[in-house]
N, C-alpha and C. Protein backbone atom coordinates (compact mmCIF):
# COMPACT_ATOMS: atom_id res chain seq x y z
N MET A 1 21.45 125.14 148.83
CA MET A 1 21.25 126.12 149.91
C MET A 1 21.76 127.48 149.46
N LEU A 2 21.01 128.53 149.78
CA LEU A 2 21.40 129.88 149.44
C LEU A 2 21.63 130.63 150.75
N PRO A 3 22.87 130.68 151.25
CA PRO A 3 23.16 131.27 152.55
C PRO A 3 22.69 132.72 152.66
N GLY A 4 22.15 133.03 153.84
CA GLY A 4 21.77 134.41 154.10
C GLY A 4 20.49 134.86 153.43
N ARG A 5 19.83 134.00 152.69
CA ARG A 5 18.62 134.39 151.97
C ARG A 5 17.38 134.07 152.77
N THR A 6 16.31 134.76 152.47
CA THR A 6 15.00 134.50 153.06
C THR A 6 13.98 134.51 151.94
N PRO A 7 12.79 133.95 152.16
CA PRO A 7 11.76 133.96 151.12
C PRO A 7 11.44 135.37 150.65
N SER A 8 11.05 135.49 149.40
CA SER A 8 10.73 136.80 148.83
C SER A 8 9.45 137.35 149.45
N PRO A 9 9.23 138.66 149.35
CA PRO A 9 8.02 139.26 149.94
C PRO A 9 6.72 138.66 149.40
N ASP A 10 6.74 138.16 148.16
CA ASP A 10 5.51 137.61 147.60
C ASP A 10 5.41 136.09 147.78
N ALA A 11 6.26 135.52 148.63
CA ALA A 11 6.22 134.07 148.86
C ALA A 11 4.92 133.67 149.55
N THR A 12 4.48 132.47 149.25
CA THR A 12 3.34 131.90 149.97
C THR A 12 3.89 131.24 151.23
N MET A 13 3.58 131.82 152.39
CA MET A 13 4.17 131.39 153.65
C MET A 13 3.16 130.60 154.48
N PHE A 14 3.65 129.54 155.08
CA PHE A 14 2.86 128.77 156.03
C PHE A 14 3.65 128.72 157.34
N ARG A 15 3.31 129.62 158.24
CA ARG A 15 4.04 129.73 159.51
C ARG A 15 3.41 128.78 160.53
N PHE A 16 3.69 127.49 160.34
CA PHE A 16 3.09 126.47 161.19
C PHE A 16 3.43 126.68 162.66
N GLY A 17 4.66 127.04 162.93
CA GLY A 17 5.10 127.16 164.32
C GLY A 17 4.32 128.22 165.08
N LYS A 18 4.21 129.42 164.52
CA LYS A 18 3.51 130.50 165.20
C LYS A 18 2.02 130.22 165.29
N GLN A 19 1.45 129.64 164.26
CA GLN A 19 0.03 129.34 164.28
C GLN A 19 -0.28 128.30 165.35
N ARG A 20 0.56 127.27 165.45
CA ARG A 20 0.33 126.25 166.45
C ARG A 20 0.54 126.82 167.86
N MET A 21 1.52 127.70 168.00
CA MET A 21 1.77 128.30 169.32
C MET A 21 0.56 129.12 169.77
N ARG A 22 -0.03 129.89 168.84
CA ARG A 22 -1.19 130.70 169.21
C ARG A 22 -2.37 129.82 169.65
N ARG A 23 -2.50 128.64 169.04
CA ARG A 23 -3.61 127.77 169.39
C ARG A 23 -3.33 126.95 170.64
N THR A 24 -2.06 126.69 170.93
CA THR A 24 -1.71 125.80 172.04
C THR A 24 -1.45 126.54 173.34
N MET A 25 -0.89 127.75 173.27
CA MET A 25 -0.52 128.48 174.47
C MET A 25 -1.69 128.72 175.43
N PRO A 26 -2.90 129.04 174.94
CA PRO A 26 -4.00 129.20 175.89
C PRO A 26 -4.26 127.94 176.71
N GLY A 27 -4.12 126.78 176.07
CA GLY A 27 -4.29 125.53 176.81
C GLY A 27 -3.21 125.31 177.84
N ALA A 28 -1.97 125.70 177.47
CA ALA A 28 -0.86 125.56 178.41
C ALA A 28 -1.06 126.47 179.62
N VAL A 29 -1.50 127.70 179.37
CA VAL A 29 -1.75 128.64 180.47
C VAL A 29 -2.89 128.14 181.35
N ALA A 30 -3.94 127.60 180.72
CA ALA A 30 -5.07 127.07 181.47
C ALA A 30 -4.64 125.91 182.37
N ALA A 31 -3.76 125.03 181.85
CA ALA A 31 -3.27 123.90 182.64
C ALA A 31 -2.47 124.40 183.84
N LEU A 32 -1.65 125.41 183.64
CA LEU A 32 -0.86 125.97 184.74
C LEU A 32 -1.76 126.60 185.80
N LEU A 33 -2.76 127.34 185.37
CA LEU A 33 -3.68 127.96 186.32
C LEU A 33 -4.50 126.91 187.07
N LEU A 34 -4.90 125.87 186.34
CA LEU A 34 -5.65 124.79 186.99
C LEU A 34 -4.78 124.09 188.03
N GLY A 35 -3.49 123.93 187.70
CA GLY A 35 -2.58 123.31 188.65
C GLY A 35 -2.43 124.12 189.92
N LEU A 36 -2.48 125.44 189.80
CA LEU A 36 -2.34 126.31 190.97
C LEU A 36 -3.63 126.44 191.77
N SER A 37 -4.73 126.05 191.17
CA SER A 37 -6.02 126.27 191.83
C SER A 37 -6.15 125.52 193.15
N MET A 38 -5.66 124.28 193.22
CA MET A 38 -5.79 123.51 194.45
C MET A 38 -4.94 124.07 195.59
N PRO A 39 -3.64 124.36 195.38
CA PRO A 39 -2.88 124.98 196.48
C PRO A 39 -3.49 126.30 196.95
N VAL A 40 -4.00 127.10 196.03
CA VAL A 40 -4.64 128.36 196.41
C VAL A 40 -5.87 128.10 197.27
N SER A 41 -6.63 127.08 196.89
CA SER A 41 -7.82 126.73 197.68
C SER A 41 -7.44 126.26 199.08
N CYS A 42 -6.35 125.49 199.14
CA CYS A 42 -5.89 125.01 200.45
C CYS A 42 -5.53 126.16 201.37
N VAL A 43 -4.88 127.16 200.80
CA VAL A 43 -4.50 128.33 201.59
C VAL A 43 -5.74 129.13 201.98
N ALA A 44 -6.65 129.31 201.04
CA ALA A 44 -7.83 130.15 201.28
C ALA A 44 -8.77 129.55 202.31
N TYR A 45 -8.92 128.22 202.29
CA TYR A 45 -9.89 127.59 203.17
C TYR A 45 -9.26 126.83 204.33
N GLY A 46 -7.94 126.87 204.43
CA GLY A 46 -7.27 126.24 205.56
C GLY A 46 -7.42 124.73 205.61
N TYR A 47 -7.34 124.06 204.47
CA TYR A 47 -7.48 122.61 204.44
C TYR A 47 -6.34 121.93 205.18
N GLY A 48 -6.58 120.67 205.57
CA GLY A 48 -5.60 119.93 206.34
C GLY A 48 -4.52 119.28 205.47
N VAL A 49 -3.71 118.41 206.14
CA VAL A 49 -2.56 117.79 205.48
C VAL A 49 -2.98 116.93 204.30
N GLY A 50 -4.07 116.17 204.47
CA GLY A 50 -4.52 115.29 203.38
C GLY A 50 -4.84 116.06 202.12
N ALA A 51 -5.52 117.17 202.29
CA ALA A 51 -5.86 118.00 201.14
C ALA A 51 -4.61 118.59 200.50
N TRP A 52 -3.64 118.95 201.34
CA TRP A 52 -2.40 119.51 200.81
C TRP A 52 -1.61 118.47 199.99
N VAL A 53 -1.61 117.23 200.45
CA VAL A 53 -0.93 116.17 199.68
C VAL A 53 -1.57 116.04 198.30
N PHE A 54 -2.90 116.01 198.29
CA PHE A 54 -3.60 115.93 197.00
C PHE A 54 -3.32 117.17 196.15
N ALA A 55 -3.28 118.34 196.81
CA ALA A 55 -3.05 119.59 196.09
C ALA A 55 -1.67 119.61 195.43
N VAL A 56 -0.67 119.08 196.13
CA VAL A 56 0.68 119.05 195.56
C VAL A 56 0.73 118.14 194.34
N ILE A 57 0.11 116.96 194.47
CA ILE A 57 0.07 116.04 193.33
C ILE A 57 -0.66 116.67 192.15
N TRP A 58 -1.79 117.29 192.44
CA TRP A 58 -2.60 117.98 191.42
C TRP A 58 -1.77 119.06 190.72
N CYS A 59 -1.08 119.86 191.54
CA CYS A 59 -0.28 120.97 191.00
C CYS A 59 0.84 120.46 190.11
N LEU A 60 1.52 119.40 190.54
CA LEU A 60 2.62 118.85 189.75
C LEU A 60 2.11 118.29 188.43
N ALA A 61 0.99 117.58 188.48
CA ALA A 61 0.46 116.95 187.27
C ALA A 61 0.10 118.00 186.22
N PHE A 62 -0.70 118.98 186.61
CA PHE A 62 -1.13 119.98 185.64
C PHE A 62 -0.01 120.96 185.32
N GLY A 63 0.84 121.23 186.31
CA GLY A 63 1.96 122.13 186.06
C GLY A 63 2.93 121.56 185.04
N VAL A 64 3.27 120.27 185.18
CA VAL A 64 4.16 119.63 184.23
C VAL A 64 3.53 119.58 182.84
N ALA A 65 2.23 119.27 182.78
CA ALA A 65 1.54 119.23 181.49
C ALA A 65 1.57 120.59 180.81
N GLY A 66 1.28 121.64 181.59
CA GLY A 66 1.29 122.99 181.02
C GLY A 66 2.66 123.42 180.55
N LEU A 67 3.68 123.13 181.36
CA LEU A 67 5.05 123.49 180.98
C LEU A 67 5.50 122.72 179.74
N PHE A 68 5.14 121.45 179.66
CA PHE A 68 5.53 120.65 178.49
C PHE A 68 4.88 121.19 177.23
N MET A 69 3.59 121.54 177.31
CA MET A 69 2.90 122.09 176.14
C MET A 69 3.56 123.39 175.70
N ALA A 70 3.87 124.26 176.67
CA ALA A 70 4.49 125.54 176.34
C ALA A 70 5.88 125.34 175.74
N TRP A 71 6.66 124.44 176.32
CA TRP A 71 8.01 124.19 175.82
C TRP A 71 7.98 123.63 174.41
N ALA A 72 7.04 122.71 174.13
CA ALA A 72 6.97 122.06 172.82
C ALA A 72 6.68 123.07 171.71
N VAL A 73 5.74 123.97 171.94
CA VAL A 73 5.39 124.91 170.87
C VAL A 73 6.38 126.07 170.80
N TRP A 74 6.98 126.44 171.91
CA TRP A 74 7.95 127.53 171.90
C TRP A 74 9.20 127.12 171.12
N GLY A 75 9.61 125.87 171.25
CA GLY A 75 10.82 125.41 170.59
C GLY A 75 10.77 125.47 169.08
N ASP A 76 9.58 125.27 168.49
CA ASP A 76 9.49 125.32 167.03
C ASP A 76 8.59 126.46 166.56
N ARG A 77 8.57 127.55 167.33
CA ARG A 77 7.71 128.68 166.99
C ARG A 77 8.07 129.32 165.66
N GLU A 78 9.32 129.17 165.20
CA GLU A 78 9.75 129.78 163.94
C GLU A 78 9.60 128.84 162.74
N ALA A 79 9.04 127.66 162.96
CA ALA A 79 8.91 126.70 161.87
C ALA A 79 7.99 127.24 160.77
N TYR A 80 8.42 127.07 159.53
CA TYR A 80 7.55 127.47 158.42
C TYR A 80 7.93 126.70 157.16
N LEU A 81 7.01 126.71 156.22
CA LEU A 81 7.23 126.20 154.88
C LEU A 81 6.79 127.31 153.94
N ALA A 82 7.60 127.60 152.92
CA ALA A 82 7.27 128.70 152.01
C ALA A 82 7.61 128.31 150.57
N PHE A 83 6.89 128.92 149.65
CA PHE A 83 7.10 128.69 148.22
C PHE A 83 7.19 130.05 147.54
N ASP A 84 8.25 130.24 146.77
CA ASP A 84 8.35 131.44 145.94
C ASP A 84 8.99 131.09 144.62
N ALA A 85 9.36 132.09 143.84
CA ALA A 85 9.94 131.82 142.52
C ALA A 85 11.29 131.13 142.61
N THR A 86 11.95 131.26 143.73
CA THR A 86 13.27 130.63 143.90
C THR A 86 13.14 129.14 144.16
N GLY A 87 12.26 128.76 145.10
CA GLY A 87 12.14 127.35 145.43
C GLY A 87 11.31 127.11 146.68
N VAL A 88 11.60 125.98 147.32
CA VAL A 88 10.90 125.57 148.54
C VAL A 88 11.77 125.96 149.73
N TRP A 89 11.19 126.72 150.64
CA TRP A 89 11.90 127.15 151.84
C TRP A 89 11.36 126.38 153.03
N TRP A 90 12.27 125.86 153.83
CA TRP A 90 11.87 125.05 154.98
C TRP A 90 12.69 125.47 156.18
N ARG A 91 12.00 125.76 157.26
CA ARG A 91 12.69 126.10 158.50
C ARG A 91 12.02 125.36 159.65
N HIS A 92 12.80 124.58 160.37
CA HIS A 92 12.29 123.88 161.54
C HIS A 92 12.76 124.57 162.82
N ASN A 93 14.03 124.89 162.86
CA ASN A 93 14.57 125.62 164.00
C ASN A 93 15.81 126.38 163.52
N LYS A 94 16.57 126.94 164.44
CA LYS A 94 17.71 127.77 164.06
C LYS A 94 18.78 127.01 163.29
N THR A 95 18.93 125.72 163.55
CA THR A 95 19.98 124.94 162.89
C THR A 95 19.48 124.18 161.67
N GLU A 96 18.17 124.04 161.52
CA GLU A 96 17.61 123.31 160.38
C GLU A 96 16.81 124.30 159.54
N HIS A 97 17.49 124.89 158.56
CA HIS A 97 16.92 125.96 157.76
C HIS A 97 17.52 125.84 156.36
N ALA A 98 16.68 125.63 155.36
CA ALA A 98 17.22 125.39 154.03
C ALA A 98 16.25 125.87 152.96
N VAL A 99 16.78 126.06 151.77
CA VAL A 99 15.96 126.32 150.59
C VAL A 99 16.42 125.37 149.50
N ILE A 100 15.46 124.80 148.79
CA ILE A 100 15.75 123.90 147.67
C ILE A 100 15.24 124.59 146.40
N PRO A 101 16.13 125.09 145.55
CA PRO A 101 15.71 125.83 144.35
C PRO A 101 14.96 124.94 143.36
N TRP A 102 13.97 125.52 142.70
CA TRP A 102 13.23 124.79 141.66
C TRP A 102 14.17 124.32 140.55
N ASP A 103 15.16 125.15 140.22
CA ASP A 103 16.08 124.80 139.14
C ASP A 103 16.86 123.53 139.42
N GLY A 104 16.95 123.14 140.68
CA GLY A 104 17.69 121.94 141.03
C GLY A 104 16.82 120.72 141.22
N LEU A 105 15.54 120.81 140.79
CA LEU A 105 14.60 119.70 140.98
C LEU A 105 14.05 119.20 139.65
N ASP A 106 13.90 117.89 139.56
CA ASP A 106 13.27 117.26 138.40
C ASP A 106 11.79 117.04 138.62
N ALA A 107 11.42 116.72 139.85
CA ALA A 107 10.03 116.36 140.14
C ALA A 107 9.66 116.80 141.55
N VAL A 108 8.40 117.23 141.68
CA VAL A 108 7.85 117.66 142.97
C VAL A 108 6.42 117.14 143.05
N GLY A 109 6.04 116.61 144.20
CA GLY A 109 4.69 116.12 144.35
C GLY A 109 4.37 115.83 145.80
N LEU A 110 3.22 115.19 145.99
CA LEU A 110 2.74 114.95 147.35
C LEU A 110 2.41 113.47 147.53
N PHE A 111 2.86 112.91 148.64
CA PHE A 111 2.46 111.58 149.08
C PHE A 111 1.58 111.74 150.32
N TRP A 112 0.63 110.82 150.49
CA TRP A 112 -0.20 110.85 151.69
C TRP A 112 -0.64 109.44 152.06
N CYS A 113 -1.00 109.27 153.32
CA CYS A 113 -1.53 107.99 153.79
C CYS A 113 -2.49 108.27 154.93
N GLU A 114 -3.31 107.28 155.22
CA GLU A 114 -4.21 107.40 156.36
C GLU A 114 -3.40 107.25 157.64
N GLY A 115 -3.87 107.88 158.70
CA GLY A 115 -3.19 107.78 159.98
C GLY A 115 -3.21 106.37 160.52
N ALA A 116 -2.28 106.07 161.38
CA ALA A 116 -2.18 104.73 161.96
C ALA A 116 -3.30 104.49 162.97
N ASP A 117 -3.54 103.22 163.26
CA ASP A 117 -4.50 102.80 164.28
C ASP A 117 -5.91 103.33 164.03
N GLY A 118 -6.28 103.36 162.76
CA GLY A 118 -7.64 103.77 162.42
C GLY A 118 -7.91 105.25 162.52
N SER A 119 -6.89 106.06 162.69
CA SER A 119 -7.08 107.50 162.77
C SER A 119 -7.58 108.04 161.44
N THR A 120 -8.49 109.01 161.52
CA THR A 120 -9.01 109.62 160.29
C THR A 120 -8.12 110.76 159.80
N GLN A 121 -7.09 111.11 160.58
CA GLN A 121 -6.20 112.19 160.21
C GLN A 121 -5.15 111.71 159.21
N ARG A 122 -5.11 112.32 158.05
CA ARG A 122 -4.11 111.96 157.05
C ARG A 122 -2.74 112.51 157.40
N LEU A 123 -1.73 111.78 156.96
CA LEU A 123 -0.36 112.25 157.05
C LEU A 123 0.10 112.57 155.63
N MET A 124 0.78 113.69 155.45
CA MET A 124 1.19 114.12 154.12
C MET A 124 2.66 114.54 154.10
N SER A 125 3.27 114.37 152.95
CA SER A 125 4.66 114.82 152.79
C SER A 125 4.87 115.37 151.39
N LEU A 126 5.71 116.38 151.32
CA LEU A 126 6.13 116.95 150.05
C LEU A 126 7.38 116.21 149.61
N GLU A 127 7.35 115.63 148.41
CA GLU A 127 8.46 114.83 147.89
C GLU A 127 9.20 115.64 146.83
N LEU A 128 10.53 115.78 147.00
CA LEU A 128 11.34 116.62 146.13
C LEU A 128 12.49 115.80 145.56
N CYS A 129 12.55 115.72 144.23
CA CYS A 129 13.56 114.90 143.57
C CYS A 129 14.60 115.79 142.88
N PRO A 130 15.83 115.86 143.43
CA PRO A 130 16.88 116.71 142.84
C PRO A 130 17.31 116.22 141.46
N THR A 131 17.65 117.15 140.61
CA THR A 131 18.18 116.81 139.30
C THR A 131 19.50 116.07 139.45
N GLY A 132 19.61 114.91 138.83
CA GLY A 132 20.83 114.12 138.94
C GLY A 132 20.93 113.32 140.22
N GLY A 133 19.89 113.33 141.04
CA GLY A 133 19.90 112.57 142.28
C GLY A 133 20.43 113.38 143.46
N VAL A 134 20.27 112.83 144.65
CA VAL A 134 20.76 113.50 145.85
C VAL A 134 22.28 113.43 145.87
N PRO A 135 22.97 114.56 145.98
CA PRO A 135 24.43 114.56 145.92
C PRO A 135 25.06 113.96 147.17
N GLU A 136 26.28 113.49 146.99
CA GLU A 136 27.10 113.02 148.11
C GLU A 136 28.41 113.80 148.10
N PRO A 137 28.87 114.34 149.24
CA PRO A 137 28.12 114.37 150.51
C PRO A 137 27.00 115.39 150.46
N GLN A 138 26.04 115.21 151.34
CA GLN A 138 24.90 116.10 151.37
C GLN A 138 25.20 117.36 152.18
N GLU A 139 24.50 118.42 151.83
CA GLU A 139 24.61 119.63 152.63
C GLU A 139 23.98 119.38 153.99
N PRO A 140 24.61 119.84 155.06
CA PRO A 140 24.07 119.59 156.41
C PRO A 140 22.63 120.06 156.57
N GLU A 141 22.27 121.17 155.92
CA GLU A 141 20.92 121.71 156.06
C GLU A 141 19.86 120.79 155.44
N LEU A 142 20.27 120.03 154.42
CA LEU A 142 19.31 119.18 153.72
C LEU A 142 19.33 117.72 154.20
N ALA A 143 20.36 117.35 154.91
CA ALA A 143 20.50 115.96 155.36
C ALA A 143 19.28 115.46 156.13
N PRO A 144 18.64 116.27 157.02
CA PRO A 144 17.46 115.76 157.73
C PRO A 144 16.28 115.42 156.84
N LEU A 145 16.29 115.94 155.60
CA LEU A 145 15.17 115.70 154.69
C LEU A 145 15.38 114.49 153.79
N PHE A 146 16.57 113.92 153.81
CA PHE A 146 16.90 112.83 152.88
C PHE A 146 16.17 111.55 153.25
N VAL A 147 15.59 110.89 152.23
CA VAL A 147 15.02 109.55 152.40
C VAL A 147 15.46 108.69 151.23
N GLN A 148 15.53 107.41 151.47
CA GLN A 148 15.81 106.46 150.41
C GLN A 148 14.84 105.30 150.56
N GLU A 149 13.87 105.26 149.69
CA GLU A 149 12.87 104.19 149.70
C GLU A 149 12.25 104.11 148.31
N GLN A 150 11.70 102.97 148.01
CA GLN A 150 11.10 102.78 146.70
C GLN A 150 9.87 103.67 146.58
N ALA A 151 9.88 104.54 145.57
CA ALA A 151 8.79 105.50 145.42
C ALA A 151 7.50 104.84 144.93
N GLY A 152 7.63 103.92 143.98
CA GLY A 152 6.44 103.28 143.43
C GLY A 152 5.65 104.17 142.50
N VAL A 153 6.21 105.30 142.11
CA VAL A 153 5.54 106.24 141.21
C VAL A 153 6.52 106.58 140.08
N ALA A 154 6.06 106.48 138.86
CA ALA A 154 6.92 106.76 137.71
C ALA A 154 7.47 108.18 137.77
N GLY A 155 8.76 108.31 137.52
CA GLY A 155 9.40 109.61 137.50
C GLY A 155 9.83 110.14 138.86
N VAL A 156 9.58 109.37 139.92
CA VAL A 156 9.96 109.79 141.27
C VAL A 156 11.14 108.94 141.72
N ALA A 157 12.26 109.59 141.98
CA ALA A 157 13.48 108.88 142.36
C ALA A 157 13.34 108.25 143.74
N ASP A 158 14.03 107.14 143.94
CA ASP A 158 14.02 106.48 145.25
C ASP A 158 14.83 107.29 146.28
N ARG A 159 15.88 107.96 145.81
CA ARG A 159 16.68 108.85 146.69
C ARG A 159 16.20 110.28 146.46
N ARG A 160 15.62 110.87 147.50
CA ARG A 160 15.01 112.19 147.33
C ARG A 160 14.92 112.88 148.69
N TYR A 161 14.34 114.06 148.66
CA TYR A 161 14.10 114.81 149.89
C TYR A 161 12.61 114.75 150.22
N ARG A 162 12.31 114.73 151.51
CA ARG A 162 10.92 114.67 151.96
C ARG A 162 10.71 115.66 153.08
N ILE A 163 9.67 116.47 152.95
CA ILE A 163 9.26 117.38 154.01
C ILE A 163 7.91 116.89 154.52
N GLY A 164 7.91 116.30 155.71
CA GLY A 164 6.67 115.81 156.29
C GLY A 164 5.87 116.96 156.88
N LEU A 165 4.65 117.15 156.41
CA LEU A 165 3.83 118.26 156.89
C LEU A 165 3.28 117.93 158.28
N PRO A 166 3.38 118.87 159.21
CA PRO A 166 2.86 118.60 160.56
C PRO A 166 1.37 118.34 160.53
N VAL A 167 0.90 117.51 161.45
CA VAL A 167 -0.52 117.17 161.51
C VAL A 167 -1.37 118.43 161.61
N PHE A 168 -0.90 119.39 162.38
CA PHE A 168 -1.61 120.66 162.52
C PHE A 168 -1.82 121.31 161.15
N ALA A 169 -0.79 121.30 160.31
CA ALA A 169 -0.86 121.94 159.00
C ALA A 169 -1.80 121.19 158.07
N VAL A 170 -1.75 119.87 158.12
CA VAL A 170 -2.62 119.07 157.27
C VAL A 170 -4.08 119.33 157.63
N ARG A 171 -4.34 119.43 158.92
CA ARG A 171 -5.72 119.62 159.38
C ARG A 171 -6.31 120.94 158.89
N TYR A 172 -5.51 121.98 158.90
CA TYR A 172 -6.06 123.31 158.60
C TYR A 172 -5.67 123.88 157.23
N TYR A 173 -4.54 123.42 156.68
CA TYR A 173 -4.02 124.11 155.50
C TYR A 173 -3.61 123.18 154.36
N SER A 174 -4.01 121.93 154.39
CA SER A 174 -3.51 120.99 153.38
C SER A 174 -3.83 121.44 151.96
N GLY A 175 -5.07 121.89 151.73
CA GLY A 175 -5.44 122.32 150.39
C GLY A 175 -4.62 123.50 149.91
N ALA A 176 -4.37 124.46 150.81
CA ALA A 176 -3.59 125.64 150.44
C ALA A 176 -2.14 125.28 150.17
N VAL A 177 -1.59 124.36 150.98
CA VAL A 177 -0.20 123.93 150.76
C VAL A 177 -0.06 123.24 149.41
N ILE A 178 -0.99 122.35 149.11
CA ILE A 178 -0.94 121.62 147.84
C ILE A 178 -1.03 122.58 146.66
N GLU A 179 -1.96 123.53 146.74
CA GLU A 179 -2.13 124.48 145.64
C GLU A 179 -0.89 125.36 145.47
N ALA A 180 -0.30 125.80 146.58
CA ALA A 180 0.90 126.64 146.50
C ALA A 180 2.06 125.89 145.86
N ALA A 181 2.26 124.63 146.27
CA ALA A 181 3.35 123.83 145.71
C ALA A 181 3.10 123.54 144.24
N ARG A 182 1.88 123.16 143.91
CA ARG A 182 1.56 122.81 142.52
C ARG A 182 1.70 124.01 141.59
N SER A 183 1.26 125.18 142.03
CA SER A 183 1.33 126.36 141.16
C SER A 183 2.77 126.81 140.94
N ARG A 184 3.62 126.64 141.96
CA ARG A 184 5.01 127.06 141.82
C ARG A 184 5.84 126.02 141.07
N ALA A 185 5.52 124.74 141.27
CA ALA A 185 6.33 123.68 140.66
C ALA A 185 6.09 123.56 139.17
N ALA A 186 4.95 124.04 138.70
CA ALA A 186 4.63 124.03 137.27
C ALA A 186 4.79 122.64 136.66
N HIS A 187 5.64 122.51 135.63
CA HIS A 187 5.76 121.24 134.91
C HIS A 187 6.48 120.16 135.73
N ARG A 188 7.01 120.50 136.88
CA ARG A 188 7.70 119.51 137.72
C ARG A 188 6.72 118.71 138.57
N TRP A 189 5.50 119.14 138.66
CA TRP A 189 4.52 118.52 139.57
C TRP A 189 4.09 117.14 139.06
N PHE A 190 4.29 116.10 139.91
CA PHE A 190 3.91 114.75 139.49
C PHE A 190 2.61 114.29 140.15
N GLY A 191 1.96 115.16 140.90
CA GLY A 191 0.64 114.84 141.42
C GLY A 191 0.64 114.41 142.88
N GLU A 192 -0.53 113.91 143.29
CA GLU A 192 -0.74 113.44 144.65
C GLU A 192 -0.98 111.93 144.61
N HIS A 193 -0.29 111.20 145.48
CA HIS A 193 -0.37 109.74 145.44
C HIS A 193 -0.52 109.17 146.84
N GLU A 194 -1.48 108.25 146.98
CA GLU A 194 -1.66 107.58 148.26
C GLU A 194 -0.58 106.51 148.43
N ARG A 195 -0.03 106.42 149.61
CA ARG A 195 0.99 105.44 149.93
C ARG A 195 0.49 104.55 151.05
N PRO A 196 1.11 103.38 151.23
CA PRO A 196 0.67 102.48 152.30
C PRO A 196 0.80 103.15 153.67
N ALA A 197 -0.12 102.84 154.56
CA ALA A 197 -0.05 103.37 155.92
C ALA A 197 1.28 102.99 156.55
N GLY A 198 1.91 103.94 157.20
CA GLY A 198 3.19 103.69 157.84
C GLY A 198 4.38 104.21 157.06
N TYR A 199 4.17 104.65 155.81
CA TYR A 199 5.31 105.18 155.04
C TYR A 199 5.85 106.44 155.70
N LEU A 200 4.97 107.15 156.41
CA LEU A 200 5.36 108.37 157.09
C LEU A 200 4.98 108.24 158.56
N ARG A 201 5.94 108.53 159.43
CA ARG A 201 5.69 108.45 160.88
C ARG A 201 5.66 109.84 161.47
N THR A 202 5.03 109.96 162.63
CA THR A 202 4.89 111.27 163.27
C THR A 202 6.25 111.91 163.49
N ARG A 203 7.26 111.12 163.83
CA ARG A 203 8.58 111.68 164.09
C ARG A 203 9.25 112.21 162.83
N ASP A 204 8.70 111.88 161.64
CA ASP A 204 9.24 112.38 160.39
C ASP A 204 8.70 113.76 160.02
N LEU A 205 7.73 114.23 160.78
CA LEU A 205 7.08 115.50 160.45
C LEU A 205 7.97 116.67 160.88
N ILE A 206 7.81 117.82 160.21
CA ILE A 206 8.70 118.94 160.49
C ILE A 206 8.30 119.69 161.74
N SER A 207 7.03 119.42 162.25
CA SER A 207 6.63 120.15 163.44
C SER A 207 5.67 119.30 164.24
């Protein structure tokens, strides 16, 4: 970790949080407006008690959905993944923010699997293997990224760091993320490897 540092001006930035917020907020606003539509209609047309009961239920259902959508994207609006000459920069929120320097890595690559339950959406993760293994004790900023599992790929340590790419990012930017990581990692890049379904879960993703 390099305290107080930020990615360089020429870093390849993937601002997943802001991009997802821009795409999701219109839906959240629409849900809130739809929730208000029934109470407004009741007032405008003077509907009776039965209609008001339905209107309240309608308003709560869409209102809660809209608020939940807005809260979810607002909370991780600053999430990003970046690559520059220094290393891999990862920010999930104010307390989970780290950089892993290239000089401290032996191997970098990508794992992927098909989505669960027959989903056509792939899940992807960036796998980072520190030189000499993951240290003990771990830095608090990097602890959320630590995994220990059999890699099944030559040259990839079982104890390593993993950054799970959000589904949103895989859908729209997977090729660009792979190219940015591969070009920066240079001789450390061990390639892209398919893993069994279930190796990566939605809760393991950074956003």
